[in-house]
Amino acid sequence: MFTLAELAQYDGQDGRPAYFAYEGQVYDASSIPNWKENKNHGNLAGKDITDALKHSPHGAGVIEGLPVVGTLG
């Protein structure tokens, strides 16, 4: 289980993994090049992106297949 403070440490910078939370699940986006070094649109690594993803044109389908590494709580 991750707290928001712990999740923030996984921001994809300086070789750290790029994790984000969505609807209580924590995902590892490190395999996606745009998430490395937190260069994705919106710089969302290390954050809960539930609201952002619900309002994005991409929808939750973009996270399909990413490994779940924990829960947010």
PDB file of N, CA and C in Angstrom:
ATOM      1  N   MET A   1       0.834  -1.176   0.000  1.00  0.00           N
ATOM      2  CA  MET A   1       0.000   0.000   0.000  1.00  0.00           C
ATOM      3  C   MET A   1       0.885   1.247   0.000  1.00  0.00           C
ATOM      4  N   PHE A   2       0.539   2.208  -0.838  1.00  0.00           N
ATOM      5  CA  PHE A   2       1.273   3.458  -0.962  1.00  0.00           C
ATOM      6  C   PHE A   2       0.461   4.604  -0.370  1.00  0.00           C
ATOM      7  N   THR A   3       1.137   5.519   0.292  1.00  0.00           N
ATOM      8  CA  THR A   3       0.528   6.799   0.633  1.00  0.00           C
ATOM      9  C   THR A   3       0.814   7.743  -0.536  1.00  0.00           C
ATOM     10  N   LEU A   4       0.153   8.888  -0.564  1.00  0.00           N
ATOM     11  CA  LEU A   4       0.449   9.867  -1.614  1.00  0.00           C
ATOM     12  C   LEU A   4       1.892  10.337  -1.534  1.00  0.00           C
ATOM     13  N   ALA A   5       2.418  10.478  -0.309  1.00  0.00           N
ATOM     14  CA  ALA A   5       3.811  10.910  -0.135  1.00  0.00           C
ATOM     15  C   ALA A   5       4.775   9.862  -0.681  1.00  0.00           C
ATOM     16  N   GLU A   6       4.482   8.589  -0.444  1.00  0.00           N
ATOM     17  CA  GLU A   6       5.344   7.521  -0.970  1.00  0.00           C
ATOM     18  C   GLU A   6       5.253   7.456  -2.489  1.00  0.00           C
ATOM     19  N   LEU A   7       4.046   7.569  -3.013  1.00  0.00           N
ATOM     20  CA  LEU A   7       3.849   7.532  -4.461  1.00  0.00           C
ATOM     21  C   LEU A   7       4.636   8.645  -5.149  1.00  0.00           C
ATOM     22  N   ALA A   8       4.701   9.804  -4.530  1.00  0.00           N
ATOM     23  CA  ALA A   8       5.403  10.956  -5.106  1.00  0.00           C
ATOM     24  C   ALA A   8       6.884  10.678  -5.343  1.00  0.00           C
ATOM     25  N   GLN A   9       7.445   9.715  -4.627  1.00  0.00           N
ATOM     26  CA  GLN A   9       8.858   9.371  -4.800  1.00  0.00           C
ATOM     27  C   GLN A   9       9.102   8.626  -6.112  1.00  0.00           C
ATOM     28  N   TYR A  10       8.059   8.067  -6.696  1.00  0.00           N
ATOM     29  CA  TYR A  10       8.170   7.290  -7.934  1.00  0.00           C
ATOM     30  C   TYR A  10       7.772   8.172  -9.116  1.00  0.00           C
ATOM     31  N   ASP A  11       8.575   9.207  -9.335  1.00  0.00           N
ATOM     32  CA  ASP A  11       8.251  10.232 -10.327  1.00  0.00           C
ATOM     33  C   ASP A  11       8.946  10.030 -11.664  1.00  0.00           C
ATOM     34  N   GLY A  12       9.673   8.946 -11.830  1.00  0.00           N
ATOM     35  CA  GLY A  12      10.332   8.652 -13.098  1.00  0.00           C
ATOM     36  C   GLY A  12      11.610   9.434 -13.344  1.00  0.00           C
ATOM     37  N   GLN A  13      12.024  10.253 -12.416  1.00  0.00           N
ATOM     38  CA  GLN A  13      13.223  11.065 -12.604  1.00  0.00           C
ATOM     39  C   GLN A  13      14.442  10.399 -11.978  1.00  0.00           C
ATOM     40  N   ASP A  14      15.608  10.726 -12.503  1.00  0.00           N
ATOM     41  CA  ASP A  14      16.882  10.228 -11.971  1.00  0.00           C
ATOM     42  C   ASP A  14      16.912   8.712 -11.839  1.00  0.00           C
ATOM     43  N   GLY A  15      16.298   8.015 -12.794  1.00  0.00           N
ATOM     44  CA  GLY A  15      16.315   6.562 -12.808  1.00  0.00           C
ATOM     45  C   GLY A  15      15.271   5.896 -11.931  1.00  0.00           C
ATOM     46  N   ARG A  16      14.457   6.682 -11.230  1.00  0.00           N
ATOM     47  CA  ARG A  16      13.407   6.097 -10.392  1.00  0.00           C
ATOM     48  C   ARG A  16      12.263   5.588 -11.270  1.00  0.00           C
ATOM     49  N   PRO A  17      11.558   4.561 -10.809  1.00  0.00           N
ATOM     50  CA  PRO A  17      10.392   4.090 -11.555  1.00  0.00           C
ATOM     51  C   PRO A  17       9.334   5.187 -11.662  1.00  0.00           C
ATOM     52  N   ALA A  18       8.480   5.071 -12.674  1.00  0.00           N
ATOM     53  CA  ALA A  18       7.377   6.013 -12.882  1.00  0.00           C
ATOM     54  C   ALA A  18       6.071   5.310 -12.534  1.00  0.00           C
ATOM     55  N   TYR A  19       5.548   5.591 -11.354  1.00  0.00           N
ATOM     56  CA  TYR A  19       4.285   5.016 -10.902  1.00  0.00           C
ATOM     57  C   TYR A  19       3.225   6.105 -10.888  1.00  0.00           C
ATOM     58  N   PHE A  20       1.977   5.689 -11.022  1.00  0.00           N
ATOM     59  CA  PHE A  20       0.852   6.596 -10.816  1.00  0.00           C
ATOM     60  C   PHE A  20      -0.301   5.778 -10.252  1.00  0.00           C
ATOM     61  N   ALA A  21      -1.236   6.466  -9.635  1.00  0.00           N
ATOM     62  CA  ALA A  21      -2.417   5.802  -9.094  1.00  0.00           C
ATOM     63  C   ALA A  21      -3.629   6.161  -9.942  1.00  0.00           C
ATOM     64  N   TYR A  22      -4.514   5.182 -10.097  1.00  0.00           N
ATOM     65  CA  TYR A  22      -5.787   5.393 -10.778  1.00  0.00           C
ATOM     66  C   TYR A  22      -6.826   4.535 -10.079  1.00  0.00           C
ATOM     67  N   GLU A  23      -7.865   5.169  -9.579  1.00  0.00           N
ATOM     68  CA  GLU A  23      -8.961   4.496  -8.878  1.00  0.00           C
ATOM     69  C   GLU A  23      -8.456   3.524  -7.813  1.00  0.00           C
ATOM     70  N   GLY A  24      -7.468   3.967  -7.046  1.00  0.00           N
ATOM     71  CA  GLY A  24      -6.983   3.194  -5.911  1.00  0.00           C
ATOM     72  C   GLY A  24      -5.901   2.177  -6.215  1.00  0.00           C
ATOM     73  N   GLN A  25      -5.620   1.939  -7.484  1.00  0.00           N
ATOM     74  CA  GLN A  25      -4.568   1.007  -7.877  1.00  0.00           C
ATOM     75  C   GLN A  25      -3.333   1.805  -8.281  1.00  0.00           C
ATOM     76  N   VAL A  26      -2.154   1.285  -7.964  1.00  0.00           N
ATOM     77  CA  VAL A  26      -0.907   1.940  -8.358  1.00  0.00           C
ATOM     78  C   VAL A  26      -0.300   1.144  -9.507  1.00  0.00           C
ATOM     79  N   TYR A  27      -0.006   1.849 -10.598  1.00  0.00           N
ATOM     80  CA  TYR A  27       0.507   1.250 -11.824  1.00  0.00           C
ATOM     81  C   TYR A  27       1.948   1.669 -12.065  1.00  0.00           C
ATOM     82  N   ASP A  28       2.697   0.787 -12.724  1.00  0.00           N
ATOM     83  CA  ASP A  28       4.078   1.073 -13.109  1.00  0.00           C
ATOM     84  C   ASP A  28       4.101   1.419 -14.596  1.00  0.00           C
ATOM     85  N   ALA A  29       4.383   2.685 -14.903  1.00  0.00           N
ATOM     86  CA  ALA A  29       4.442   3.156 -16.288  1.00  0.00           C
ATOM     87  C   ALA A  29       5.881   3.323 -16.764  1.00  0.00           C
ATOM     88  N   SER A  30       6.820   2.730 -16.056  1.00  0.00           N
ATOM     89  CA  SER A  30       8.242   2.902 -16.378  1.00  0.00           C
ATOM     90  C   SER A  30       8.610   2.396 -17.765  1.00  0.00           C
ATOM     91  N   SER A  31       7.840   1.461 -18.303  1.00  0.00           N
ATOM     92  CA  SER A  31       8.152   0.902 -19.623  1.00  0.00           C
ATOM     93  C   SER A  31       7.717   1.817 -20.764  1.00  0.00           C
ATOM     94  N   ILE A  32       6.984   2.875 -20.460  1.00  0.00           N
ATOM     95  CA  ILE A  32       6.511   3.810 -21.481  1.00  0.00           C
ATOM     96  C   ILE A  32       7.511   4.956 -21.587  1.00  0.00           C
ATOM     97  N   PRO A  33       8.148   5.107 -22.749  1.00  0.00           N
ATOM     98  CA  PRO A  33       9.213   6.111 -22.874  1.00  0.00           C
ATOM     99  C   PRO A  33       8.824   7.515 -22.425  1.00  0.00           C
ATOM    100  N   ASN A  34       7.617   7.967 -22.715  1.00  0.00           N
ATOM    101  CA  ASN A  34       7.221   9.325 -22.334  1.00  0.00           C
ATOM    102  C   ASN A  34       7.103   9.518 -20.828  1.00  0.00           C
ATOM    103  N   TRP A  35       7.000   8.437 -20.084  1.00  0.00           N
ATOM    104  CA  TRP A  35       6.915   8.563 -18.629  1.00  0.00           C
ATOM    105  C   TRP A  35       8.297   8.604 -17.997  1.00  0.00           C
ATOM    106  N   LYS A  36       9.311   8.126 -18.711  1.00  0.00           N
ATOM    107  CA  LYS A  36      10.680   8.189 -18.177  1.00  0.00           C
ATOM    108  C   LYS A  36      11.087   9.638 -18.048  1.00  0.00           C
ATOM    109  N   GLU A  37      11.735   9.945 -16.993  1.00  0.00           N
ATOM    110  CA  GLU A  37      12.152  11.315 -16.676  1.00  0.00           C
ATOM    111  C   GLU A  37      10.958  12.260 -16.583  1.00  0.00           C
ATOM    112  N   ASN A  38       9.757  11.679 -16.377  1.00  0.00           N
ATOM    113  CA  ASN A  38       8.536  12.456 -16.141  1.00  0.00           C
ATOM    114  C   ASN A  38       8.282  13.462 -17.261  1.00  0.00           C
ATOM    115  N   LYS A  39       8.452  12.995 -18.513  1.00  0.00           N
ATOM    116  CA  LYS A  39       8.259  13.877 -19.660  1.00  0.00           C
ATOM    117  C   LYS A  39       6.909  13.669 -20.336  1.00  0.00           C
ATOM    118  N   ASN A  40       6.031  12.902 -19.704  1.00  0.00           N
ATOM    119  CA  ASN A  40       4.709  12.710 -20.277  1.00  0.00           C
ATOM    120  C   ASN A  40       3.919  14.012 -20.203  1.00  0.00           C
ATOM    121  N   HIS A  41       2.895  14.108 -21.018  1.00  0.00           N
ATOM    122  CA  HIS A  41       2.059  15.315 -21.016  1.00  0.00           C
ATOM    123  C   HIS A  41       1.397  15.472 -19.651  1.00  0.00           C
ATOM    124  N   GLY A  42       1.646  16.564 -18.999  1.00  0.00           N
ATOM    125  CA  GLY A  42       1.052  16.826 -17.701  1.00  0.00           C
ATOM    126  C   GLY A  42       1.925  16.442 -16.524  1.00  0.00           C
ATOM    127  N   ASN A  43       3.046  15.764 -16.766  1.00  0.00           N
ATOM    128  CA  ASN A  43       3.958  15.366 -15.687  1.00  0.00           C
ATOM    129  C   ASN A  43       3.210  14.701 -14.535  1.00  0.00           C
ATOM    130  N   LEU A  44       2.606  13.560 -14.801  1.00  0.00           N
ATOM    131  CA  LEU A  44       1.730  12.917 -13.831  1.00  0.00           C
ATOM    132  C   LEU A  44       2.354  11.761 -13.067  1.00  0.00           C
ATOM    133  N   ALA A  45       3.588  11.401 -13.361  1.00  0.00           N
ATOM    134  CA  ALA A  45       4.226  10.317 -12.614  1.00  0.00           C
ATOM    135  C   ALA A  45       4.351  10.722 -11.155  1.00  0.00           C
ATOM    136  N   GLY A  46       4.083   9.764 -10.280  1.00  0.00           N
ATOM    137  CA  GLY A  46       4.169  10.022  -8.851  1.00  0.00           C
ATOM    138  C   GLY A  46       2.906  10.616  -8.265  1.00  0.00           C
ATOM    139  N   LYS A  47       1.809  10.608  -9.035  1.00  0.00           N
ATOM    140  CA  LYS A  47       0.574  11.254  -8.586  1.00  0.00           C
ATOM    141  C   LYS A  47      -0.630  10.343  -8.778  1.00  0.00           C
ATOM    142  N   ASP A  48      -1.726  10.715  -8.137  1.00  0.00           N
ATOM    143  CA  ASP A  48      -3.014  10.072  -8.370  1.00  0.00           C
ATOM    144  C   ASP A  48      -3.635  10.775  -9.577  1.00  0.00           C
ATOM    145  N   ILE A  49      -3.799  10.047 -10.668  1.00  0.00           N
ATOM    146  CA  ILE A  49      -4.290  10.673 -11.899  1.00  0.00           C
ATOM    147  C   ILE A  49      -5.755  10.340 -12.182  1.00  0.00           C
ATOM    148  N   THR A  50      -6.480   9.881 -11.185  1.00  0.00           N
ATOM    149  CA  THR A  50      -7.869   9.475 -11.387  1.00  0.00           C
ATOM    150  C   THR A  50      -8.688  10.569 -12.057  1.00  0.00           C
ATOM    151  N   ASP A  51      -8.701  11.757 -11.497  1.00  0.00           N
ATOM    152  CA  ASP A  51      -9.505  12.841 -12.077  1.00  0.00           C
ATOM    153  C   ASP A  51      -8.995  13.242 -13.452  1.00  0.00           C
ATOM    154  N   ALA A  52      -7.690  13.344 -13.601  1.00  0.00           N
ATOM    155  CA  ALA A  52      -7.113  13.756 -14.885  1.00  0.00           C
ATOM    156  C   ALA A  52      -7.463  12.760 -15.987  1.00  0.00           C
ATOM    157  N   LEU A  53      -7.386  11.471 -15.682  1.00  0.00           N
ATOM    158  CA  LEU A  53      -7.647  10.464 -16.707  1.00  0.00           C
ATOM    159  C   LEU A  53      -9.129  10.398 -17.054  1.00  0.00           C
ATOM    160  N   LYS A  54      -9.984  10.609 -16.075  1.00  0.00           N
ATOM    161  CA  LYS A  54     -11.423  10.596 -16.347  1.00  0.00           C
ATOM    162  C   LYS A  54     -11.825  11.726 -17.287  1.00  0.00           C
ATOM    163  N   HIS A  55     -11.074  12.812 -17.277  1.00  0.00           N
ATOM    164  CA  HIS A  55     -11.399  13.966 -18.112  1.00  0.00           C
ATOM    165  C   HIS A  55     -10.522  14.067 -19.359  1.00  0.00           C
ATOM    166  N   SER A  56      -9.676  13.081 -19.582  1.00  0.00           N
ATOM    167  CA  SER A  56      -8.790  13.126 -20.750  1.00  0.00           C
ATOM    168  C   SER A  56      -9.494  12.508 -21.958  1.00  0.00           C
ATOM    169  N   PRO A  57      -9.081  12.877 -23.150  1.00  0.00           N
ATOM    170  CA  PRO A  57      -9.680  12.273 -24.342  1.00  0.00           C
ATOM    171  C   PRO A  57      -9.287  10.808 -24.513  1.00  0.00           C
ATOM    172  N   HIS A  58      -8.209  10.373 -23.837  1.00  0.00           N
ATOM    173  CA  HIS A  58      -7.717   9.000 -23.974  1.00  0.00           C
ATOM    174  C   HIS A  58      -8.553   8.013 -23.181  1.00  0.00           C
ATOM    175  N   GLY A  59      -9.015   8.413 -22.001  1.00  0.00           N
ATOM    176  CA  GLY A  59      -9.740   7.516 -21.129  1.00  0.00           C
ATOM    177  C   GLY A  59      -8.827   6.495 -20.475  1.00  0.00           C
ATOM    178  N   ALA A  60      -9.417   5.630 -19.693  1.00  0.00           N
ATOM    179  CA  ALA A  60      -8.654   4.654 -18.917  1.00  0.00           C
ATOM    180  C   ALA A  60      -8.036   3.556 -19.775  1.00  0.00           C
ATOM    181  N   GLY A  61      -8.434   3.457 -21.023  1.00  0.00           N
ATOM    182  CA  GLY A  61      -7.881   2.426 -21.895  1.00  0.00           C
ATOM    183  C   GLY A  61      -6.380   2.512 -22.066  1.00  0.00           C
ATOM    184  N   VAL A  62      -5.818   3.695 -21.856  1.00  0.00           N
ATOM    185  CA  VAL A  62      -4.375   3.860 -22.046  1.00  0.00           C
ATOM    186  C   VAL A  62      -3.555   3.135 -20.993  1.00  0.00           C
ATOM    187  N   ILE A  63      -4.184   2.723 -19.893  1.00  0.00           N
ATOM    188  CA  ILE A  63      -3.412   2.038 -18.852  1.00  0.00           C
ATOM    189  C   ILE A  63      -3.545   0.524 -18.927  1.00  0.00           C
ATOM    190  N   GLU A  64      -4.336   0.033 -19.871  1.00  0.00           N
ATOM    191  CA  GLU A  64      -4.499  -1.412 -20.012  1.00  0.00           C
ATOM    192  C   GLU A  64      -3.152  -2.071 -20.246  1.00  0.00           C
ATOM    193  N   GLY A  65      -2.899  -3.132 -19.530  1.00  0.00           N
ATOM    194  CA  GLY A  65      -1.668  -3.888 -19.690  1.00  0.00           C
ATOM    195  C   GLY A  65      -0.520  -3.437 -18.809  1.00  0.00           C
ATOM    196  N   LEU A  66      -0.665  -2.276 -18.160  1.00  0.00           N
ATOM    197  CA  LEU A  66       0.405  -1.839 -17.257  1.00  0.00           C
ATOM    198  C   LEU A  66       0.348  -2.653 -15.971  1.00  0.00           C
ATOM    199  N   PRO A  67       1.504  -2.994 -15.413  1.00  0.00           N
ATOM    200  CA  PRO A  67       1.504  -3.779 -14.180  1.00  0.00           C
ATOM    201  C   PRO A  67       0.998  -2.973 -12.989  1.00  0.00           C
ATOM    202  N   VAL A  68       0.167  -3.623 -12.182  1.00  0.00           N
ATOM    203  CA  VAL A  68      -0.279  -3.046 -10.912  1.00  0.00           C
ATOM    204  C   VAL A  68       0.758  -3.421  -9.870  1.00  0.00           C
ATOM    205  N   VAL A  69       1.268  -2.425  -9.153  1.00  0.00           N
ATOM    206  CA  VAL A  69       2.325  -2.665  -8.173  1.00  0.00           C
ATOM    207  C   VAL A  69       1.865  -2.431  -6.738  1.00  0.00           C
ATOM    208  N   GLY A  70       0.610  -2.071  -6.563  1.00  0.00           N
ATOM    209  CA  GLY A  70       0.105  -1.852  -5.212  1.00  0.00           C
ATOM    210  C   GLY A  70      -1.202  -1.095  -5.234  1.00  0.00           C
ATOM    211  N   THR A  71      -1.582  -0.637  -4.051  1.00  0.00           N
ATOM    212  CA  THR A  71      -2.802   0.139  -3.897  1.00  0.00           C
ATOM    213  C   THR A  71      -2.479   1.460  -3.219  1.00  0.00           C
ATOM    214  N   LEU A  72      -3.377   2.406  -3.387  1.00  0.00           N
ATOM    215  CA  LEU A  72      -3.236   3.716  -2.758  1.00  0.00           C
ATOM    216  C   LEU A  72      -4.161   3.752  -1.560  1.00  0.00           C
ATOM    217  N   GLY A  73      -3.614   4.128  -0.434  1.00  0.00           N
ATOM    218  CA  GLY A  73      -4.479   4.158   0.745  1.00  0.00           C
ATOM    219  C   GLY A  73      -3.942   4.988   1.864  1.00  0.00           C
TER     220      GLY A  73
END
